[in-house]
Amino acid sequence: SLVDSKLIKSSDSLWKIALLYGDDWPHWKQELQDF
């Protein structure tokens, strides 16, 4: 949805979504790394 609304680009690095997830980012970062 963020890509479709042009808030981020599909070529952007994953770390860029950290700015949008705030306090929840450590959890999602760990999930992504686990995968």
PDB file of all heavy atoms in Angstrom:
ATOM      1  N   SER A   1       0.828  -1.200   0.000  1.00  0.00           N
ATOM      2  CA  SER A   1       0.000   0.000   0.000  1.00  0.00           C
ATOM      3  C   SER A   1       0.869   1.259   0.000  1.00  0.00           C
ATOM      4  O   SER A   1       0.557   2.240  -0.692  1.00  0.00           O
ATOM      5  CB  SER A   1      -0.926  -0.008   1.212  1.00  0.00           C
ATOM      6  OG  SER A   1      -1.686   1.157   1.265  1.00  0.00           O
ATOM      7  N   LEU A   2       1.950   1.233   0.751  1.00  0.00           N
ATOM      8  CA  LEU A   2       2.881   2.370   0.782  1.00  0.00           C
ATOM      9  C   LEU A   2       3.513   2.595  -0.593  1.00  0.00           C
ATOM     10  O   LEU A   2       3.679   3.734  -1.028  1.00  0.00           O
ATOM     11  CB  LEU A   2       3.970   2.141   1.825  1.00  0.00           C
ATOM     12  CG  LEU A   2       3.521   2.104   3.283  1.00  0.00           C
ATOM     13  CD1 LEU A   2       4.669   1.657   4.178  1.00  0.00           C
ATOM     14  CD2 LEU A   2       2.983   3.458   3.709  1.00  0.00           C
ATOM     15  N   VAL A   3       3.852   1.506  -1.268  1.00  0.00           N
ATOM     16  CA  VAL A   3       4.436   1.608  -2.607  1.00  0.00           C
ATOM     17  C   VAL A   3       3.379   2.126  -3.587  1.00  0.00           C
ATOM     18  O   VAL A   3       3.645   3.041  -4.383  1.00  0.00           O
ATOM     19  CB  VAL A   3       5.004   0.245  -3.078  1.00  0.00           C
ATOM     20  CG1 VAL A   3       5.401   0.297  -4.546  1.00  0.00           C
ATOM     21  CG2 VAL A   3       6.201  -0.152  -2.213  1.00  0.00           C
ATOM     22  N   ASP A   4       2.176   1.548  -3.518  1.00  0.00           N
ATOM     23  CA  ASP A   4       1.099   1.966  -4.418  1.00  0.00           C
ATOM     24  C   ASP A   4       0.749   3.436  -4.249  1.00  0.00           C
ATOM     25  O   ASP A   4       0.403   4.120  -5.222  1.00  0.00           O
ATOM     26  CB  ASP A   4      -0.152   1.108  -4.204  1.00  0.00           C
ATOM     27  CG  ASP A   4       0.026  -0.328  -4.673  1.00  0.00           C
ATOM     28  OD1 ASP A   4       1.006  -0.625  -5.397  1.00  0.00           O
ATOM     29  OD2 ASP A   4      -0.820  -1.167  -4.301  1.00  0.00           O
ATOM     30  N   SER A   5       0.840   3.937  -3.023  1.00  0.00           N
ATOM     31  CA  SER A   5       0.531   5.343  -2.770  1.00  0.00           C
ATOM     32  C   SER A   5       1.748   6.250  -2.953  1.00  0.00           C
ATOM     33  O   SER A   5       1.671   7.444  -2.687  1.00  0.00           O
ATOM     34  CB  SER A   5      -0.059   5.526  -1.375  1.00  0.00           C
ATOM     35  OG  SER A   5       0.880   5.133  -0.394  1.00  0.00           O
ATOM     36  N   LYS A   6       2.846   5.659  -3.401  1.00  0.00           N
ATOM     37  CA  LYS A   6       4.080   6.396  -3.737  1.00  0.00           C
ATOM     38  C   LYS A   6       4.775   7.032  -2.537  1.00  0.00           C
ATOM     39  O   LYS A   6       5.559   7.967  -2.683  1.00  0.00           O
ATOM     40  CB  LYS A   6       3.809   7.462  -4.805  1.00  0.00           C
ATOM     41  CG  LYS A   6       3.052   6.960  -6.013  1.00  0.00           C
ATOM     42  CD  LYS A   6       3.942   6.829  -7.205  1.00  0.00           C
ATOM     43  CE  LYS A   6       3.168   6.517  -8.471  1.00  0.00           C
ATOM     44  NZ  LYS A   6       2.990   5.131  -8.735  1.00  0.00           N
ATOM     45  N   LEU A   7       4.492   6.517  -1.318  1.00  0.00           N
ATOM     46  CA  LEU A   7       5.209   7.013  -0.142  1.00  0.00           C
ATOM     47  C   LEU A   7       6.627   6.453  -0.098  1.00  0.00           C
ATOM     48  O   LEU A   7       7.538   7.091   0.435  1.00  0.00           O
ATOM     49  CB  LEU A   7       4.462   6.651   1.137  1.00  0.00           C
ATOM     50  CG  LEU A   7       3.161   7.410   1.358  1.00  0.00           C
ATOM     51  CD1 LEU A   7       2.411   6.848   2.549  1.00  0.00           C
ATOM     52  CD2 LEU A   7       3.454   8.890   1.577  1.00  0.00           C
ATOM     53  N   ILE A   8       6.793   5.240  -0.631  1.00  0.00           N
ATOM     54  CA  ILE A   8       8.117   4.634  -0.799  1.00  0.00           C
ATOM     55  C   ILE A   8       8.153   4.003  -2.178  1.00  0.00           C
ATOM     56  O   ILE A   8       7.113   3.796  -2.814  1.00  0.00           O
ATOM     57  CB  ILE A   8       8.432   3.569   0.285  1.00  0.00           C
ATOM     58  CG1 ILE A   8       7.419   2.427   0.253  1.00  0.00           C
ATOM     59  CG2 ILE A   8       8.517   4.205   1.657  1.00  0.00           C
ATOM     60  CD1 ILE A   8       7.762   1.273   1.190  1.00  0.00           C
ATOM     61  N   LYS A   9       9.364   3.709  -2.649  1.00  0.00           N
ATOM     62  CA  LYS A   9       9.539   3.054  -3.945  1.00  0.00           C
ATOM     63  C   LYS A   9       9.906   1.596  -3.714  1.00  0.00           C
ATOM     64  O   LYS A   9      10.527   1.260  -2.701  1.00  0.00           O
ATOM     65  CB  LYS A   9      10.663   3.723  -4.734  1.00  0.00           C
ATOM     66  CG  LYS A   9      10.410   5.171  -5.047  1.00  0.00           C
ATOM     67  CD  LYS A   9      11.616   5.762  -5.726  1.00  0.00           C
ATOM     68  CE  LYS A   9      11.448   7.264  -5.866  1.00  0.00           C
ATOM     69  NZ  LYS A   9      12.702   7.898  -6.271  1.00  0.00           N
ATOM     70  N   SER A  10       9.555   0.746  -4.661  1.00  0.00           N
ATOM     71  CA  SER A  10       9.905  -0.670  -4.525  1.00  0.00           C
ATOM     72  C   SER A  10      11.415  -0.871  -4.543  1.00  0.00           C
ATOM     73  O   SER A  10      11.913  -1.872  -4.050  1.00  0.00           O
ATOM     74  CB  SER A  10       9.226  -1.504  -5.606  1.00  0.00           C
ATOM     75  OG  SER A  10       9.651  -1.106  -6.889  1.00  0.00           O
ATOM     76  N   SER A  11      12.148   0.098  -5.073  1.00  0.00           N
ATOM     77  CA  SER A  11      13.610   0.007  -5.099  1.00  0.00           C
ATOM     78  C   SER A  11      14.256   0.516  -3.814  1.00  0.00           C
ATOM     79  O   SER A  11      15.461   0.339  -3.601  1.00  0.00           O
ATOM     80  CB  SER A  11      14.165   0.790  -6.295  1.00  0.00           C
ATOM     81  OG  SER A  11      13.762   2.151  -6.211  1.00  0.00           O
ATOM     82  N   ASP A  12      13.464   1.135  -2.922  1.00  0.00           N
ATOM     83  CA  ASP A  12      13.990   1.612  -1.637  1.00  0.00           C
ATOM     84  C   ASP A  12      14.413   0.432  -0.771  1.00  0.00           C
ATOM     85  O   ASP A  12      13.859  -0.660  -0.868  1.00  0.00           O
ATOM     86  CB  ASP A  12      12.931   2.410  -0.875  1.00  0.00           C
ATOM     87  CG  ASP A  12      12.679   3.786  -1.467  1.00  0.00           C
ATOM     88  OD1 ASP A  12      13.548   4.292  -2.199  1.00  0.00           O
ATOM     89  OD2 ASP A  12      11.597   4.349  -1.190  1.00  0.00           O
ATOM     90  N   SER A  13      15.363   0.666   0.099  1.00  0.00           N
ATOM     91  CA  SER A  13      15.797  -0.358   1.048  1.00  0.00           C
ATOM     92  C   SER A  13      14.751  -0.555   2.130  1.00  0.00           C
ATOM     93  O   SER A  13      14.011   0.372   2.470  1.00  0.00           O
ATOM     94  CB  SER A  13      17.119   0.047   1.704  1.00  0.00           C
ATOM     95  OG  SER A  13      18.127   0.164   0.734  1.00  0.00           O
ATOM     96  N   LEU A  14      14.702  -1.772   2.672  1.00  0.00           N
ATOM     97  CA  LEU A  14      13.726  -2.091   3.710  1.00  0.00           C
ATOM     98  C   LEU A  14      13.827  -1.170   4.921  1.00  0.00           C
ATOM     99  O   LEU A  14      12.819  -0.879   5.564  1.00  0.00           O
ATOM    100  CB  LEU A  14      13.874  -3.548   4.158  1.00  0.00           C
ATOM    101  CG  LEU A  14      13.363  -4.584   3.172  1.00  0.00           C
ATOM    102  CD1 LEU A  14      13.748  -5.980   3.628  1.00  0.00           C
ATOM    103  CD2 LEU A  14      11.853  -4.466   3.007  1.00  0.00           C
ATOM    104  N   TRP A  15      15.037  -0.699   5.240  1.00  0.00           N
ATOM    105  CA  TRP A  15      15.191   0.144   6.422  1.00  0.00           C
ATOM    106  C   TRP A  15      14.332   1.404   6.333  1.00  0.00           C
ATOM    107  O   TRP A  15      13.968   1.984   7.349  1.00  0.00           O
ATOM    108  CB  TRP A  15      16.649   0.531   6.667  1.00  0.00           C
ATOM    109  CG  TRP A  15      17.241   1.381   5.602  1.00  0.00           C
ATOM    110  CD1 TRP A  15      18.015   0.969   4.558  1.00  0.00           C
ATOM    111  CD2 TRP A  15      17.102   2.803   5.442  1.00  0.00           C
ATOM    112  NE1 TRP A  15      18.353   2.042   3.755  1.00  0.00           N
ATOM    113  CE2 TRP A  15      17.800   3.174   4.280  1.00  0.00           C
ATOM    114  CE3 TRP A  15      16.444   3.793   6.159  1.00  0.00           C
ATOM    115  CZ2 TRP A  15      17.865   4.488   3.820  1.00  0.00           C
ATOM    116  CZ3 TRP A  15      16.516   5.105   5.701  1.00  0.00           C
ATOM    117  CH2 TRP A  15      17.221   5.435   4.546  1.00  0.00           C
ATOM    118  N   LYS A  16      13.961   1.802   5.122  1.00  0.00           N
ATOM    119  CA  LYS A  16      13.179   3.027   4.961  1.00  0.00           C
ATOM    120  C   LYS A  16      11.794   2.909   5.604  1.00  0.00           C
ATOM    121  O   LYS A  16      11.235   3.901   6.064  1.00  0.00           O
ATOM    122  CB  LYS A  16      13.048   3.384   3.487  1.00  0.00           C
ATOM    123  CG  LYS A  16      12.583   4.796   3.257  1.00  0.00           C
ATOM    124  CD  LYS A  16      12.814   5.221   1.841  1.00  0.00           C
ATOM    125  CE  LYS A  16      12.512   6.692   1.677  1.00  0.00           C
ATOM    126  NZ  LYS A  16      12.736   7.122   0.299  1.00  0.00           N
ATOM    127  N   ILE A  17      11.253   1.702   5.684  1.00  0.00           N
ATOM    128  CA  ILE A  17       9.935   1.561   6.313  1.00  0.00           C
ATOM    129  C   ILE A  17      10.015   1.731   7.821  1.00  0.00           C
ATOM    130  O   ILE A  17       9.005   1.941   8.471  1.00  0.00           O
ATOM    131  CB  ILE A  17       9.217   0.248   5.911  1.00  0.00           C
ATOM    132  CG1 ILE A  17       9.970  -0.992   6.374  1.00  0.00           C
ATOM    133  CG2 ILE A  17       8.941   0.221   4.431  1.00  0.00           C
ATOM    134  CD1 ILE A  17       9.255  -2.293   6.078  1.00  0.00           C
ATOM    135  N   ALA A  18      11.221   1.689   8.361  1.00  0.00           N
ATOM    136  CA  ALA A  18      11.404   1.910   9.803  1.00  0.00           C
ATOM    137  C   ALA A  18      10.864   3.280  10.201  1.00  0.00           C
ATOM    138  O   ALA A  18      10.301   3.445  11.283  1.00  0.00           O
ATOM    139  CB  ALA A  18      12.871   1.801  10.178  1.00  0.00           C
ATOM    140  N   LEU A  19      11.015   4.241   9.325  1.00  0.00           N
ATOM    141  CA  LEU A  19      10.562   5.600   9.611  1.00  0.00           C
ATOM    142  C   LEU A  19       9.047   5.651   9.792  1.00  0.00           C
ATOM    143  O   LEU A  19       8.529   6.514  10.489  1.00  0.00           O
ATOM    144  CB  LEU A  19      10.980   6.539   8.475  1.00  0.00           C
ATOM    145  CG  LEU A  19      12.482   6.598   8.188  1.00  0.00           C
ATOM    146  CD1 LEU A  19      12.747   7.401   6.934  1.00  0.00           C
ATOM    147  CD2 LEU A  19      13.238   7.152   9.373  1.00  0.00           C
ATOM    148  N   LEU A  20       8.351   4.722   9.172  1.00  0.00           N
ATOM    149  CA  LEU A  20       6.887   4.718   9.216  1.00  0.00           C
ATOM    150  C   LEU A  20       6.317   3.847  10.331  1.00  0.00           C
ATOM    151  O   LEU A  20       5.163   3.989  10.699  1.00  0.00           O
ATOM    152  CB  LEU A  20       6.346   4.239   7.863  1.00  0.00           C
ATOM    153  CG  LEU A  20       6.820   5.077   6.673  1.00  0.00           C
ATOM    154  CD1 LEU A  20       6.491   4.388   5.369  1.00  0.00           C
ATOM    155  CD2 LEU A  20       6.195   6.460   6.723  1.00  0.00           C
ATOM    156  N   TYR A  21       7.149   2.947  10.881  1.00  0.00           N
ATOM    157  CA  TYR A  21       6.650   2.029  11.908  1.00  0.00           C
ATOM    158  C   TYR A  21       7.026   2.434  13.328  1.00  0.00           C
ATOM    159  O   TYR A  21       6.543   1.835  14.284  1.00  0.00           O
ATOM    160  CB  TYR A  21       7.107   0.598  11.606  1.00  0.00           C
ATOM    161  CG  TYR A  21       6.221  -0.030  10.568  1.00  0.00           C
ATOM    162  CD1 TYR A  21       6.499   0.086   9.225  1.00  0.00           C
ATOM    163  CD2 TYR A  21       5.070  -0.706  10.941  1.00  0.00           C
ATOM    164  CE1 TYR A  21       5.662  -0.468   8.263  1.00  0.00           C
ATOM    165  CE2 TYR A  21       4.226  -1.263   9.995  1.00  0.00           C
ATOM    166  CZ  TYR A  21       4.530  -1.134   8.658  1.00  0.00           C
ATOM    167  OH  TYR A  21       3.699  -1.667   7.716  1.00  0.00           O
ATOM    168  N   GLY A  22       7.873   3.414  13.472  1.00  0.00           N
ATOM    169  CA  GLY A  22       8.193   3.958  14.793  1.00  0.00           C
ATOM    170  C   GLY A  22       8.554   2.909  15.831  1.00  0.00           C
ATOM    171  O   GLY A  22       9.447   2.095  15.628  1.00  0.00           O
ATOM    172  N   ASP A  23       7.824   2.910  16.943  1.00  0.00           N
ATOM    173  CA  ASP A  23       8.125   2.021  18.069  1.00  0.00           C
ATOM    174  C   ASP A  23       7.935   0.544  17.740  1.00  0.00           C
ATOM    175  O   ASP A  23       8.485  -0.319  18.421  1.00  0.00           O
ATOM    176  CB  ASP A  23       7.246   2.369  19.273  1.00  0.00           C
ATOM    177  CG  ASP A  23       7.598   3.723  19.879  1.00  0.00           C
ATOM    178  OD1 ASP A  23       8.710   4.234  19.605  1.00  0.00           O
ATOM    179  OD2 ASP A  23       6.764   4.276  20.616  1.00  0.00           O
ATOM    180  N   ASP A  24       7.139   0.246  16.716  1.00  0.00           N
ATOM    181  CA  ASP A  24       6.920  -1.150  16.311  1.00  0.00           C
ATOM    182  C   ASP A  24       8.049  -1.689  15.442  1.00  0.00           C
ATOM    183  O   ASP A  24       8.093  -2.883  15.160  1.00  0.00           O
ATOM    184  CB  ASP A  24       5.601  -1.284  15.538  1.00  0.00           C
ATOM    185  CG  ASP A  24       4.392  -1.045  16.420  1.00  0.00           C
ATOM    186  OD1 ASP A  24       4.498  -1.260  17.645  1.00  0.00           O
ATOM    187  OD2 ASP A  24       3.345  -0.651  15.881  1.00  0.00           O
ATOM    188  N   TRP A  25       8.936  -0.816  14.995  1.00  0.00           N
ATOM    189  CA  TRP A  25       9.964  -1.236  14.056  1.00  0.00           C
ATOM    190  C   TRP A  25      10.875  -2.343  14.584  1.00  0.00           C
ATOM    191  O   TRP A  25      11.179  -3.287  13.844  1.00  0.00           O
ATOM    192  CB  TRP A  25      10.794  -0.050  13.570  1.00  0.00           C
ATOM    193  CG  TRP A  25      11.875  -0.506  12.645  1.00  0.00           C
ATOM    194  CD1 TRP A  25      13.210  -0.380  12.831  1.00  0.00           C
ATOM    195  CD2 TRP A  25      11.708  -1.201  11.405  1.00  0.00           C
ATOM    196  NE1 TRP A  25      13.897  -0.944  11.789  1.00  0.00           N
ATOM    197  CE2 TRP A  25      13.001  -1.455  10.891  1.00  0.00           C
ATOM    198  CE3 TRP A  25      10.607  -1.639  10.676  1.00  0.00           C
ATOM    199  CZ2 TRP A  25      13.211  -2.119   9.684  1.00  0.00           C
ATOM    200  CZ3 TRP A  25      10.828  -2.305   9.467  1.00  0.00           C
ATOM    201  CH2 TRP A  25      12.099  -2.541   8.997  1.00  0.00           C
ATOM    202  N   PRO A  26      11.364  -2.306  15.825  1.00  0.00           N
ATOM    203  CA  PRO A  26      12.243  -3.395  16.287  1.00  0.00           C
ATOM    204  C   PRO A  26      11.613  -4.780  16.101  1.00  0.00           C
ATOM    205  O   PRO A  26      12.296  -5.725  15.704  1.00  0.00           O
ATOM    206  CB  PRO A  26      12.495  -3.072  17.758  1.00  0.00           C
ATOM    207  CG  PRO A  26      12.350  -1.588  17.833  1.00  0.00           C
ATOM    208  CD  PRO A  26      11.245  -1.268  16.852  1.00  0.00           C
ATOM    209  N   HIS A  27      10.317  -4.883  16.359  1.00  0.00           N
ATOM    210  CA  HIS A  27       9.623  -6.162  16.166  1.00  0.00           C
ATOM    211  C   HIS A  27       9.642  -6.570  14.701  1.00  0.00           C
ATOM    212  O   HIS A  27       9.995  -7.710  14.370  1.00  0.00           O
ATOM    213  CB  HIS A  27       8.177  -6.054  16.657  1.00  0.00           C
ATOM    214  CG  HIS A  27       7.325  -7.193  16.195  1.00  0.00           C
ATOM    215  ND1 HIS A  27       7.405  -8.446  16.753  1.00  0.00           N
ATOM    216  CD2 HIS A  27       6.396  -7.278  15.210  1.00  0.00           C
ATOM    217  CE1 HIS A  27       6.558  -9.248  16.133  1.00  0.00           C
ATOM    218  NE2 HIS A  27       5.931  -8.558  15.194  1.00  0.00           N
ATOM    219  N   TRP A  28       9.253  -5.661  13.800  1.00  0.00           N
ATOM    220  CA  TRP A  28       9.196  -5.994  12.369  1.00  0.00           C
ATOM    221  C   TRP A  28      10.578  -6.228  11.789  1.00  0.00           C
ATOM    222  O   TRP A  28      10.761  -7.086  10.925  1.00  0.00           O
ATOM    223  CB  TRP A  28       8.440  -4.906  11.607  1.00  0.00           C
ATOM    224  CG  TRP A  28       7.002  -4.932  11.948  1.00  0.00           C
ATOM    225  CD1 TRP A  28       6.293  -3.965  12.591  1.00  0.00           C
ATOM    226  CD2 TRP A  28       6.081  -6.004  11.707  1.00  0.00           C
ATOM    227  NE1 TRP A  28       4.993  -4.377  12.767  1.00  0.00           N
ATOM    228  CE2 TRP A  28       4.838  -5.613  12.236  1.00  0.00           C
ATOM    229  CE3 TRP A  28       6.194  -7.254  11.110  1.00  0.00           C
ATOM    230  CZ2 TRP A  28       3.716  -6.433  12.164  1.00  0.00           C
ATOM    231  CZ3 TRP A  28       5.072  -8.068  11.044  1.00  0.00           C
ATOM    232  CH2 TRP A  28       3.857  -7.666  11.560  1.00  0.00           C
ATOM    233  N   LYS A  29      11.563  -5.482  12.263  1.00  0.00           N
ATOM    234  CA  LYS A  29      12.941  -5.687  11.803  1.00  0.00           C
ATOM    235  C   LYS A  29      13.386  -7.108  12.145  1.00  0.00           C
ATOM    236  O   LYS A  29      13.961  -7.808  11.307  1.00  0.00           O
ATOM    237  CB  LYS A  29      13.878  -4.661  12.451  1.00  0.00           C
ATOM    238  CG  LYS A  29      15.326  -4.836  12.037  1.00  0.00           C
ATOM    239  CD  LYS A  29      16.209  -3.804  12.716  1.00  0.00           C
ATOM    240  CE  LYS A  29      17.666  -4.017  12.335  1.00  0.00           C
ATOM    241  NZ  LYS A  29      18.547  -3.112  13.061  1.00  0.00           N
ATOM    242  N   GLN A  30      13.106  -7.540  13.367  1.00  0.00           N
ATOM    243  CA  GLN A  30      13.481  -8.892  13.786  1.00  0.00           C
ATOM    244  C   GLN A  30      12.751  -9.937  12.958  1.00  0.00           C
ATOM    245  O   GLN A  30      13.343 -10.935  12.533  1.00  0.00           O
ATOM    246  CB  GLN A  30      13.200  -9.101  15.276  1.00  0.00           C
ATOM    247  CG  GLN A  30      13.708 -10.438  15.796  1.00  0.00           C
ATOM    248  CD  GLN A  30      15.221 -10.577  15.633  1.00  0.00           C
ATOM    249  OE1 GLN A  30      15.974  -9.716  16.072  1.00  0.00           O
ATOM    250  NE2 GLN A  30      15.660 -11.638  14.991  1.00  0.00           N
ATOM    251  N   GLU A  31      11.471  -9.731  12.700  1.00  0.00           N
ATOM    252  CA  GLU A  31      10.697 -10.654  11.862  1.00  0.00           C
ATOM    253  C   GLU A  31      11.317 -10.762  10.469  1.00  0.00           C
ATOM    254  O   GLU A  31      11.491 -11.861   9.940  1.00  0.00           O
ATOM    255  CB  GLU A  31       9.237 -10.186  11.741  1.00  0.00           C
ATOM    256  CG  GLU A  31       8.430 -10.354  12.996  1.00  0.00           C
ATOM    257  CD  GLU A  31       8.075 -11.806  13.303  1.00  0.00           C
ATOM    258  OE1 GLU A  31       7.872 -12.597  12.364  1.00  0.00           O
ATOM    259  OE2 GLU A  31       7.991 -12.143  14.495  1.00  0.00           O
ATOM    260  N   LEU A  32      11.637  -9.628   9.878  1.00  0.00           N
ATOM    261  CA  LEU A  32      12.243  -9.629   8.544  1.00  0.00           C
ATOM    262  C   LEU A  32      13.583 -10.365   8.558  1.00  0.00           C
ATOM    263  O   LEU A  32      13.864 -11.176   7.674  1.00  0.00           O
ATOM    264  CB  LEU A  32      12.426  -8.193   8.045  1.00  0.00           C
ATOM    265  CG  LEU A  32      11.134  -7.478   7.642  1.00  0.00           C
ATOM    266  CD1 LEU A  32      11.364  -5.976   7.553  1.00  0.00           C
ATOM    267  CD2 LEU A  32      10.597  -8.032   6.327  1.00  0.00           C
ATOM    268  N   GLN A  33      14.395 -10.099   9.556  1.00  0.00           N
ATOM    269  CA  GLN A  33      15.689 -10.770   9.658  1.00  0.00           C
ATOM    270  C   GLN A  33      15.520 -12.267   9.869  1.00  0.00           C
ATOM    271  O   GLN A  33      16.276 -13.063   9.304  1.00  0.00           O
ATOM    272  CB  GLN A  33      16.522 -10.152  10.778  1.00  0.00           C
ATOM    273  CG  GLN A  33      16.995  -8.761  10.430  1.00  0.00           C
ATOM    274  CD  GLN A  33      17.683  -8.057  11.591  1.00  0.00           C
ATOM    275  OE1 GLN A  33      17.399  -8.299  12.748  1.00  0.00           O
ATOM    276  NE2 GLN A  33      18.596  -7.155  11.246  1.00  0.00           N
ATOM    277  N   ASP A  34      14.515 -12.670  10.643  1.00  0.00           N
ATOM    278  CA  ASP A  34      14.246 -14.091  10.849  1.00  0.00           C
ATOM    279  C   ASP A  34      13.907 -14.796   9.540  1.00  0.00           C
ATOM    280  O   ASP A  34      14.149 -15.996   9.392  1.00  0.00           O
ATOM    281  CB  ASP A  34      13.101 -14.294  11.848  1.00  0.00           C
ATOM    282  CG  ASP A  34      13.496 -13.946  13.282  1.00  0.00           C
ATOM    283  OD1 ASP A  34      14.704 -13.767  13.554  1.00  0.00           O
ATOM    284  OD2 ASP A  34      12.582 -13.845  14.125  1.00  0.00           O
ATOM    285  N   PHE A  35      13.343 -14.058   8.594  1.00  0.00           N
ATOM    286  CA  PHE A  35      13.026 -14.619   7.286  1.00  0.00           C
ATOM    287  C   PHE A  35      14.154 -14.416   6.276  1.00  0.00           C
ATOM    288  O   PHE A  35      13.991 -14.672   5.088  1.00  0.00           O
ATOM    289  CB  PHE A  35      11.717 -14.030   6.744  1.00  0.00           C
ATOM    290  CG  PHE A  35      10.498 -14.686   7.327  1.00  0.00           C
ATOM    291  CD1 PHE A  35       9.795 -14.079   8.358  1.00  0.00           C
ATOM    292  CD2 PHE A  35      10.061 -15.913   6.864  1.00  0.00           C
ATOM    293  CE1 PHE A  35       8.663 -14.681   8.904  1.00  0.00           C
ATOM    294  CE2 PHE A  35       8.942 -16.524   7.398  1.00  0.00           C
ATOM    295  CZ  PHE A  35       8.247 -15.906   8.429  1.00  0.00           C
TER     296      PHE A  35
END
